[in-house]
């Protein structure tokens, strides 16, 4: 079963990378972008932190851990969120990851440690720690949102689904959580049928789901990032805080 999981996921990722459609705009915001590296179990995890100009050490800030797609990186992916971060006072945390099956297994340990590393420098609100993932990065976000449900308050995913071989992560969640899912009608990698199956699986196990099917939209998240991010943020912050 493990080999089947890896092979199926690898085929999807290879197709996405080959399409060359996972780039994001470069960082271009008025706040501060800081580069950091976290070491865990002998492995280095480079990441960037975007601190909005409205940040005040006297007030705990919400945070959003951003997970880029295949072929992307943290610094460029931050560029899709800086305008909203400025408007809402969000601290962004964006690692550059190896999106392999092996790296995915470390997500439950690594992601909370990344945010904890940021909270050692900037004051974060523990009740408002969120995730957002795009395409291959969406796989990682599903893992973290469910397997770290007691740590993260909710998540958003664009152009990614839960494959049947990974259904167990839904049932292993320590509590119900909130997940926003966005999928285009012209996405070449994921169908509405797969999206609805993911939605129904989450709902059947007690999770809160905001599921959006986008007309005339393909796999290109940066093209619609502005409106998607606003909708994600509105949904997640309207959920009751833990």
C-alpha atoms as a PDB file:
ATOM      1  CA  UNK A   1       0.000   0.000   0.000  1.00  0.00           C
ATOM      2  CA  UNK A   2       2.837   2.410   0.815  1.00  0.00           C
ATOM      3  CA  UNK A   3       4.397   1.900  -2.621  1.00  0.00           C
ATOM      4  CA  UNK A   4       1.028   2.546  -4.268  1.00  0.00           C
ATOM      5  CA  UNK A   5       0.634   5.773  -2.308  1.00  0.00           C
ATOM      6  CA  UNK A   6       4.067   7.022  -3.287  1.00  0.00           C
ATOM      7  CA  UNK A   7       3.680   6.041  -6.940  1.00  0.00           C
ATOM      8  CA  UNK A   8       0.238   7.631  -7.310  1.00  0.00           C
ATOM      9  CA  UNK A   9       1.320  10.853  -5.630  1.00  0.00           C
ATOM     10  CA  UNK A  10       4.546  10.967  -7.645  1.00  0.00           C
ATOM     11  CA  UNK A  11       2.643  10.727 -10.935  1.00  0.00           C
ATOM     12  CA  UNK A  12       0.440  13.680 -10.008  1.00  0.00           C
ATOM     13  CA  UNK A  13       3.386  15.802  -8.883  1.00  0.00           C
ATOM     14  CA  UNK A  14       5.396  14.975 -11.999  1.00  0.00           C
ATOM     15  CA  UNK A  15       2.533  16.097 -14.228  1.00  0.00           C
ATOM     16  CA  UNK A  16       2.092  19.340 -12.298  1.00  0.00           C
ATOM     17  CA  UNK A  17       5.794  20.214 -12.391  1.00  0.00           C
ATOM     18  CA  UNK A  18       5.995  19.383 -16.094  1.00  0.00           C
ATOM     19  CA  UNK A  19       3.164  21.813 -16.788  1.00  0.00           C
ATOM     20  CA  UNK A  20       5.267  24.639 -15.395  1.00  0.00           C
ATOM     21  CA  UNK A  21       2.244  26.427 -13.931  1.00  0.00           C
ATOM     22  CA  UNK A  22       3.139  26.583 -10.257  1.00  0.00           C
ATOM     23  CA  UNK A  23       5.186  29.772 -10.095  1.00  0.00           C
ATOM     24  CA  UNK A  24       4.078  32.651  -7.871  1.00  0.00           C
ATOM     25  CA  UNK A  25       4.772  36.397  -8.024  1.00  0.00           C
ATOM     26  CA  UNK A  26       7.922  37.635  -6.331  1.00  0.00           C
ATOM     27  CA  UNK A  27       7.689  39.262  -2.926  1.00  0.00           C
ATOM     28  CA  UNK A  28       6.646  42.883  -3.258  1.00  0.00           C
ATOM     29  CA  UNK A  29       5.232  44.262  -0.024  1.00  0.00           C
ATOM     30  CA  UNK A  30       5.773  47.184   2.351  1.00  0.00           C
ATOM     31  CA  UNK A  31       6.446  45.019   5.417  1.00  0.00           C
ATOM     32  CA  UNK A  32       9.594  43.198   6.489  1.00  0.00           C
ATOM     33  CA  UNK A  33      10.699  39.884   4.992  1.00  0.00           C
ATOM     34  CA  UNK A  34      13.151  37.898   7.130  1.00  0.00           C
ATOM     35  CA  UNK A  35      14.984  34.719   6.129  1.00  0.00           C
ATOM     36  CA  UNK A  36      15.449  31.983   8.710  1.00  0.00           C
ATOM     37  CA  UNK A  37      16.535  28.334   8.881  1.00  0.00           C
ATOM     38  CA  UNK A  38      15.230  25.770  11.349  1.00  0.00           C
ATOM     39  CA  UNK A  39      17.129  22.545  12.013  1.00  0.00           C
ATOM     40  CA  UNK A  40      15.191  19.466  13.076  1.00  0.00           C
ATOM     41  CA  UNK A  41      16.601  15.949  13.356  1.00  0.00           C
ATOM     42  CA  UNK A  42      19.676  16.956  11.383  1.00  0.00           C
ATOM     43  CA  UNK A  43      17.727  18.454   8.499  1.00  0.00           C
ATOM     44  CA  UNK A  44      17.572  22.148   7.614  1.00  0.00           C
ATOM     45  CA  UNK A  45      14.272  23.856   6.778  1.00  0.00           C
ATOM     46  CA  UNK A  46      14.718  27.311   5.201  1.00  0.00           C
ATOM     47  CA  UNK A  47      11.762  29.651   5.563  1.00  0.00           C
ATOM     48  CA  UNK A  48      10.846  33.318   5.363  1.00  0.00           C
ATOM     49  CA  UNK A  49       8.733  35.392   7.726  1.00  0.00           C
ATOM     50  CA  UNK A  50       6.722  38.366   6.529  1.00  0.00           C
ATOM     51  CA  UNK A  51       5.981  40.878   9.287  1.00  0.00           C
ATOM     52  CA  UNK A  52       3.375  43.517   8.347  1.00  0.00           C
ATOM     53  CA  UNK A  53       4.012  47.166   9.115  1.00  0.00           C
ATOM     54  CA  UNK A  54       1.049  47.121  11.521  1.00  0.00           C
ATOM     55  CA  UNK A  55       2.675  44.539  13.794  1.00  0.00           C
ATOM     56  CA  UNK A  56       2.949  45.553  17.454  1.00  0.00           C
ATOM     57  CA  UNK A  57       4.708  43.411  20.047  1.00  0.00           C
ATOM     58  CA  UNK A  58       1.989  44.382  22.502  1.00  0.00           C
ATOM     59  CA  UNK A  59      -0.736  42.532  20.583  1.00  0.00           C
ATOM     60  CA  UNK A  60      -0.534  38.840  19.611  1.00  0.00           C
ATOM     61  CA  UNK A  61      -0.814  38.554  15.823  1.00  0.00           C
ATOM     62  CA  UNK A  62      -2.570  35.889  13.768  1.00  0.00           C
ATOM     63  CA  UNK A  63      -0.282  33.765  11.623  1.00  0.00           C
ATOM     64  CA  UNK A  64      -0.588  31.889   8.347  1.00  0.00           C
ATOM     65  CA  UNK A  65       1.795  29.078   7.374  1.00  0.00           C
ATOM     66  CA  UNK A  66       1.959  29.036   3.563  1.00  0.00           C
ATOM     67  CA  UNK A  67       2.908  25.886   1.649  1.00  0.00           C
ATOM     68  CA  UNK A  68       3.889  26.426  -1.984  1.00  0.00           C
ATOM     69  CA  UNK A  69       3.220  24.036  -4.843  1.00  0.00           C
ATOM     70  CA  UNK A  70       5.687  21.809  -6.704  1.00  0.00           C
ATOM     71  CA  UNK A  71       8.393  23.899  -8.322  1.00  0.00           C
ATOM     72  CA  UNK A  72       7.689  26.845  -6.012  1.00  0.00           C
ATOM     73  CA  UNK A  73       9.412  28.282  -2.962  1.00  0.00           C
ATOM     74  CA  UNK A  74       8.612  30.188   0.194  1.00  0.00           C
ATOM     75  CA  UNK A  75       9.900  33.665  -0.752  1.00  0.00           C
ATOM     76  CA  UNK A  76       7.905  33.829  -3.988  1.00  0.00           C
ATOM     77  CA  UNK A  77       4.757  32.311  -2.478  1.00  0.00           C
ATOM     78  CA  UNK A  78       4.675  35.019   0.196  1.00  0.00           C
ATOM     79  CA  UNK A  79       4.008  37.506  -2.597  1.00  0.00           C
ATOM     80  CA  UNK A  80       0.493  36.127  -3.048  1.00  0.00           C
ATOM     81  CA  UNK A  81      -0.459  37.030   0.526  1.00  0.00           C
ATOM     82  CA  UNK A  82       1.354  40.263   1.478  1.00  0.00           C
ATOM     83  CA  UNK A  83      -1.446  42.690   0.611  1.00  0.00           C
ATOM     84  CA  UNK A  84      -3.940  40.837   2.809  1.00  0.00           C
ATOM     85  CA  UNK A  85      -1.316  40.402   5.527  1.00  0.00           C
ATOM     86  CA  UNK A  86      -0.860  44.167   5.601  1.00  0.00           C
ATOM     87  CA  UNK A  87      -4.603  44.779   5.739  1.00  0.00           C
ATOM     88  CA  UNK A  88      -5.277  42.212   8.476  1.00  0.00           C
ATOM     89  CA  UNK A  89      -2.023  42.251  10.444  1.00  0.00           C
ATOM     90  CA  UNK A  90      -1.115  38.635   9.626  1.00  0.00           C
ATOM     91  CA  UNK A  91       2.389  37.274  10.116  1.00  0.00           C
ATOM     92  CA  UNK A  92       3.219  34.960   7.213  1.00  0.00           C
ATOM     93  CA  UNK A  93       5.497  31.938   7.540  1.00  0.00           C
ATOM     94  CA  UNK A  94       6.596  30.395   4.245  1.00  0.00           C
ATOM     95  CA  UNK A  95       9.032  27.472   4.142  1.00  0.00           C
ATOM     96  CA  UNK A  96      10.717  26.158   1.025  1.00  0.00           C
ATOM     97  CA  UNK A  97      10.028  22.437   1.080  1.00  0.00           C
ATOM     98  CA  UNK A  98      10.920  19.219  -0.622  1.00  0.00           C
ATOM     99  CA  UNK A  99       7.397  18.073  -1.449  1.00  0.00           C
ATOM    100  CA  UNK A 100       8.279  14.388  -1.489  1.00  0.00           C
ATOM    101  CA  UNK A 101       6.398  11.546   0.187  1.00  0.00           C
ATOM    102  CA  UNK A 102       9.260  11.208   2.655  1.00  0.00           C
ATOM    103  CA  UNK A 103       9.064  14.886   3.594  1.00  0.00           C
ATOM    104  CA  UNK A 104       5.289  14.628   3.959  1.00  0.00           C
ATOM    105  CA  UNK A 105       5.671  12.089   6.755  1.00  0.00           C
ATOM    106  CA  UNK A 106       7.482  14.692   8.865  1.00  0.00           C
ATOM    107  CA  UNK A 107       4.761  17.345   8.519  1.00  0.00           C
ATOM    108  CA  UNK A 108       3.089  16.730  11.941  1.00  0.00           C
ATOM    109  CA  UNK A 109       6.416  17.343  13.699  1.00  0.00           C
ATOM    110  CA  UNK A 110       7.926  20.030  11.469  1.00  0.00           C
ATOM    111  CA  UNK A 111       5.078  22.485  10.899  1.00  0.00           C
ATOM    112  CA  UNK A 112       4.331  23.269  14.569  1.00  0.00           C
ATOM    113  CA  UNK A 113       8.056  23.642  15.193  1.00  0.00           C
ATOM    114  CA  UNK A 114       8.339  26.145  12.351  1.00  0.00           C
ATOM    115  CA  UNK A 115       5.594  28.300  13.839  1.00  0.00           C
ATOM    116  CA  UNK A 116       7.061  27.921  17.331  1.00  0.00           C
ATOM    117  CA  UNK A 117      10.393  29.166  15.965  1.00  0.00           C
ATOM    118  CA  UNK A 118       8.642  32.255  14.634  1.00  0.00           C
ATOM    119  CA  UNK A 119       6.827  32.820  17.926  1.00  0.00           C
ATOM    120  CA  UNK A 120      10.190  32.998  19.686  1.00  0.00           C
ATOM    121  CA  UNK A 121      10.841  36.255  17.775  1.00  0.00           C
ATOM    122  CA  UNK A 122       7.361  37.679  17.206  1.00  0.00           C
ATOM    123  CA  UNK A 123       4.290  37.483  19.381  1.00  0.00           C
ATOM    124  CA  UNK A 124       1.740  35.136  17.788  1.00  0.00           C
ATOM    125  CA  UNK A 125      -1.800  34.394  18.903  1.00  0.00           C
ATOM    126  CA  UNK A 126      -1.976  30.632  19.634  1.00  0.00           C
ATOM    127  CA  UNK A 127      -5.718  30.632  18.915  1.00  0.00           C
ATOM    128  CA  UNK A 128      -5.217  32.057  15.410  1.00  0.00           C
ATOM    129  CA  UNK A 129      -2.589  29.869  13.777  1.00  0.00           C
ATOM    130  CA  UNK A 130      -3.719  28.953  10.249  1.00  0.00           C
ATOM    131  CA  UNK A 131      -2.443  27.127   7.160  1.00  0.00           C
ATOM    132  CA  UNK A 132      -2.838  27.574   3.424  1.00  0.00           C
ATOM    133  CA  UNK A 133      -1.554  25.236   0.720  1.00  0.00           C
ATOM    134  CA  UNK A 134      -1.541  25.205  -3.059  1.00  0.00           C
ATOM    135  CA  UNK A 135      -1.585  22.079  -5.229  1.00  0.00           C
ATOM    136  CA  UNK A 136       1.147  19.695  -3.980  1.00  0.00           C
ATOM    137  CA  UNK A 137       1.465  21.922  -0.925  1.00  0.00           C
ATOM    138  CA  UNK A 138      -2.220  21.303  -0.308  1.00  0.00           C
ATOM    139  CA  UNK A 139      -1.444  17.660   0.460  1.00  0.00           C
ATOM    140  CA  UNK A 140       0.857  18.809   3.244  1.00  0.00           C
ATOM    141  CA  UNK A 141      -1.759  21.229   4.559  1.00  0.00           C
ATOM    142  CA  UNK A 142      -4.427  18.534   4.769  1.00  0.00           C
ATOM    143  CA  UNK A 143      -1.963  16.488   6.846  1.00  0.00           C
ATOM    144  CA  UNK A 144      -1.096  19.339   9.189  1.00  0.00           C
ATOM    145  CA  UNK A 145      -4.641  20.658   9.565  1.00  0.00           C
ATOM    146  CA  UNK A 146      -5.937  17.226  10.600  1.00  0.00           C
ATOM    147  CA  UNK A 147      -2.995  15.607  12.371  1.00  0.00           C
ATOM    148  CA  UNK A 148      -2.208  18.868  14.198  1.00  0.00           C
ATOM    149  CA  UNK A 149      -5.818  19.928  14.749  1.00  0.00           C
ATOM    150  CA  UNK A 150      -5.053  20.859  18.348  1.00  0.00           C
ATOM    151  CA  UNK A 151      -2.333  23.242  17.178  1.00  0.00           C
ATOM    152  CA  UNK A 152      -3.697  24.922  14.035  1.00  0.00           C
ATOM    153  CA  UNK A 153      -7.098  26.622  14.109  1.00  0.00           C
ATOM    154  CA  UNK A 154      -7.982  25.872  10.480  1.00  0.00           C
ATOM    155  CA  UNK A 155      -6.735  25.749   6.904  1.00  0.00           C
ATOM    156  CA  UNK A 156      -7.350  26.635   3.283  1.00  0.00           C
ATOM    157  CA  UNK A 157      -6.424  24.546   0.245  1.00  0.00           C
ATOM    158  CA  UNK A 158      -6.415  25.522  -3.423  1.00  0.00           C
ATOM    159  CA  UNK A 159      -6.326  22.787  -6.102  1.00  0.00           C
ATOM    160  CA  UNK A 160      -5.735  19.714  -3.959  1.00  0.00           C
ATOM    161  CA  UNK A 161      -7.820  16.829  -2.646  1.00  0.00           C
ATOM    162  CA  UNK A 162      -7.471  13.975  -0.174  1.00  0.00           C
ATOM    163  CA  UNK A 163      -6.627  10.826  -2.098  1.00  0.00           C
ATOM    164  CA  UNK A 164      -8.479   7.660  -0.945  1.00  0.00           C
ATOM    165  CA  UNK A 165      -5.232   6.095   0.280  1.00  0.00           C
ATOM    166  CA  UNK A 166      -4.929   8.956   2.780  1.00  0.00           C
ATOM    167  CA  UNK A 167      -8.465   8.893   4.193  1.00  0.00           C
ATOM    168  CA  UNK A 168      -7.122   7.800   7.576  1.00  0.00           C
ATOM    169  CA  UNK A 169      -5.757  11.294   8.308  1.00  0.00           C
ATOM    170  CA  UNK A 170      -9.350  12.558   8.528  1.00  0.00           C
ATOM    171  CA  UNK A 171     -10.289  10.080  11.213  1.00  0.00           C
ATOM    172  CA  UNK A 172      -7.037  10.584  13.136  1.00  0.00           C
ATOM    173  CA  UNK A 173      -7.755  14.263  13.819  1.00  0.00           C
ATOM    174  CA  UNK A 174      -7.739  15.029  17.547  1.00  0.00           C
ATOM    175  CA  UNK A 175     -10.697  17.367  17.165  1.00  0.00           C
ATOM    176  CA  UNK A 176     -12.945  18.754  14.463  1.00  0.00           C
ATOM    177  CA  UNK A 177     -11.385  21.540  12.446  1.00  0.00           C
ATOM    178  CA  UNK A 178     -12.254  24.004   9.662  1.00  0.00           C
ATOM    179  CA  UNK A 179     -11.006  23.618   6.093  1.00  0.00           C
ATOM    180  CA  UNK A 180     -11.742  25.774   3.034  1.00  0.00           C
ATOM    181  CA  UNK A 181     -11.338  23.997  -0.320  1.00  0.00           C
ATOM    182  CA  UNK A 182     -11.168  25.709  -3.734  1.00  0.00           C
ATOM    183  CA  UNK A 183     -11.201  23.849  -7.036  1.00  0.00           C
ATOM    184  CA  UNK A 184     -11.559  25.088 -10.612  1.00  0.00           C
ATOM    185  CA  UNK A 185     -13.770  23.524 -13.259  1.00  0.00           C
ATOM    186  CA  UNK A 186     -10.841  23.448 -15.704  1.00  0.00           C
ATOM    187  CA  UNK A 187      -8.234  22.045 -13.326  1.00  0.00           C
ATOM    188  CA  UNK A 188      -6.340  19.394 -15.329  1.00  0.00           C
ATOM    189  CA  UNK A 189      -5.262  17.423 -12.266  1.00  0.00           C
ATOM    190  CA  UNK A 190      -8.260  17.300  -9.927  1.00  0.00           C
ATOM    191  CA  UNK A 191     -11.952  16.884 -10.751  1.00  0.00           C
ATOM    192  CA  UNK A 192     -15.060  18.168  -9.010  1.00  0.00           C
ATOM    193  CA  UNK A 193     -15.824  14.536  -8.238  1.00  0.00           C
ATOM    194  CA  UNK A 194     -12.592  14.286  -6.244  1.00  0.00           C
ATOM    195  CA  UNK A 195     -13.271  17.611  -4.569  1.00  0.00           C
ATOM    196  CA  UNK A 196     -16.791  16.632  -3.546  1.00  0.00           C
ATOM    197  CA  UNK A 197     -15.540  13.307  -2.253  1.00  0.00           C
ATOM    198  CA  UNK A 198     -13.006  15.155  -0.056  1.00  0.00           C
ATOM    199  CA  UNK A 199     -15.707  17.550   1.156  1.00  0.00           C
ATOM    200  CA  UNK A 200     -18.112  14.731   2.002  1.00  0.00           C
ATOM    201  CA  UNK A 201     -15.412  12.723   3.792  1.00  0.00           C
ATOM    202  CA  UNK A 202     -14.567  15.691   6.009  1.00  0.00           C
ATOM    203  CA  UNK A 203     -18.199  16.507   6.720  1.00  0.00           C
ATOM    204  CA  UNK A 204     -19.011  12.880   7.571  1.00  0.00           C
ATOM    205  CA  UNK A 205     -16.305  12.877  10.227  1.00  0.00           C
ATOM    206  CA  UNK A 206     -17.473  16.079  11.899  1.00  0.00           C
ATOM    207  CA  UNK A 207     -15.246  18.712  10.304  1.00  0.00           C
ATOM    208  CA  UNK A 208     -16.450  22.104   9.114  1.00  0.00           C
ATOM    209  CA  UNK A 209     -15.961  22.609   5.371  1.00  0.00           C
ATOM    210  CA  UNK A 210     -16.203  25.647   3.125  1.00  0.00           C
ATOM    211  CA  UNK A 211     -16.181  24.102  -0.360  1.00  0.00           C
ATOM    212  CA  UNK A 212     -16.032  26.357  -3.428  1.00  0.00           C
ATOM    213  CA  UNK A 213     -16.156  25.281  -7.072  1.00  0.00           C
ATOM    214  CA  UNK A 214     -14.789  27.969  -9.383  1.00  0.00           C
ATOM    215  CA  UNK A 215     -16.166  28.514 -12.879  1.00  0.00           C
ATOM    216  CA  UNK A 216     -13.719  29.154 -15.741  1.00  0.00           C
ATOM    217  CA  UNK A 217     -10.763  28.471 -13.473  1.00  0.00           C
ATOM    218  CA  UNK A 218      -7.840  26.112 -13.983  1.00  0.00           C
ATOM    219  CA  UNK A 219      -4.904  25.208 -11.711  1.00  0.00           C
ATOM    220  CA  UNK A 220      -3.491  28.755 -11.653  1.00  0.00           C
ATOM    221  CA  UNK A 221      -3.833  29.997  -8.076  1.00  0.00           C
ATOM    222  CA  UNK A 222      -1.783  33.215  -8.447  1.00  0.00           C
ATOM    223  CA  UNK A 223      -4.285  34.445 -11.059  1.00  0.00           C
ATOM    224  CA  UNK A 224      -7.069  34.494  -8.463  1.00  0.00           C
ATOM    225  CA  UNK A 225      -5.058  34.721  -5.238  1.00  0.00           C
ATOM    226  CA  UNK A 226      -6.456  38.115  -4.230  1.00  0.00           C
ATOM    227  CA  UNK A 227     -10.087  37.012  -4.079  1.00  0.00           C
ATOM    228  CA  UNK A 228      -9.324  33.514  -2.783  1.00  0.00           C
ATOM    229  CA  UNK A 229      -7.215  34.799   0.096  1.00  0.00           C
ATOM    230  CA  UNK A 230      -9.910  37.231   1.222  1.00  0.00           C
ATOM    231  CA  UNK A 231     -12.486  34.443   1.167  1.00  0.00           C
ATOM    232  CA  UNK A 232     -10.211  32.025   3.046  1.00  0.00           C
ATOM    233  CA  UNK A 233      -9.486  34.598   5.714  1.00  0.00           C
ATOM    234  CA  UNK A 234     -13.126  35.582   6.119  1.00  0.00           C
ATOM    235  CA  UNK A 235     -14.145  31.950   6.532  1.00  0.00           C
ATOM    236  CA  UNK A 236     -11.405  30.934   8.957  1.00  0.00           C
ATOM    237  CA  UNK A 237     -11.669  33.967  11.205  1.00  0.00           C
ATOM    238  CA  UNK A 238     -15.454  33.598  11.430  1.00  0.00           C
ATOM    239  CA  UNK A 239     -15.027  30.163  13.044  1.00  0.00           C
ATOM    240  CA  UNK A 240     -15.210  30.109  16.857  1.00  0.00           C
ATOM    241  CA  UNK A 241     -11.777  30.481  18.398  1.00  0.00           C
ATOM    242  CA  UNK A 242     -10.464  27.594  20.477  1.00  0.00           C
END
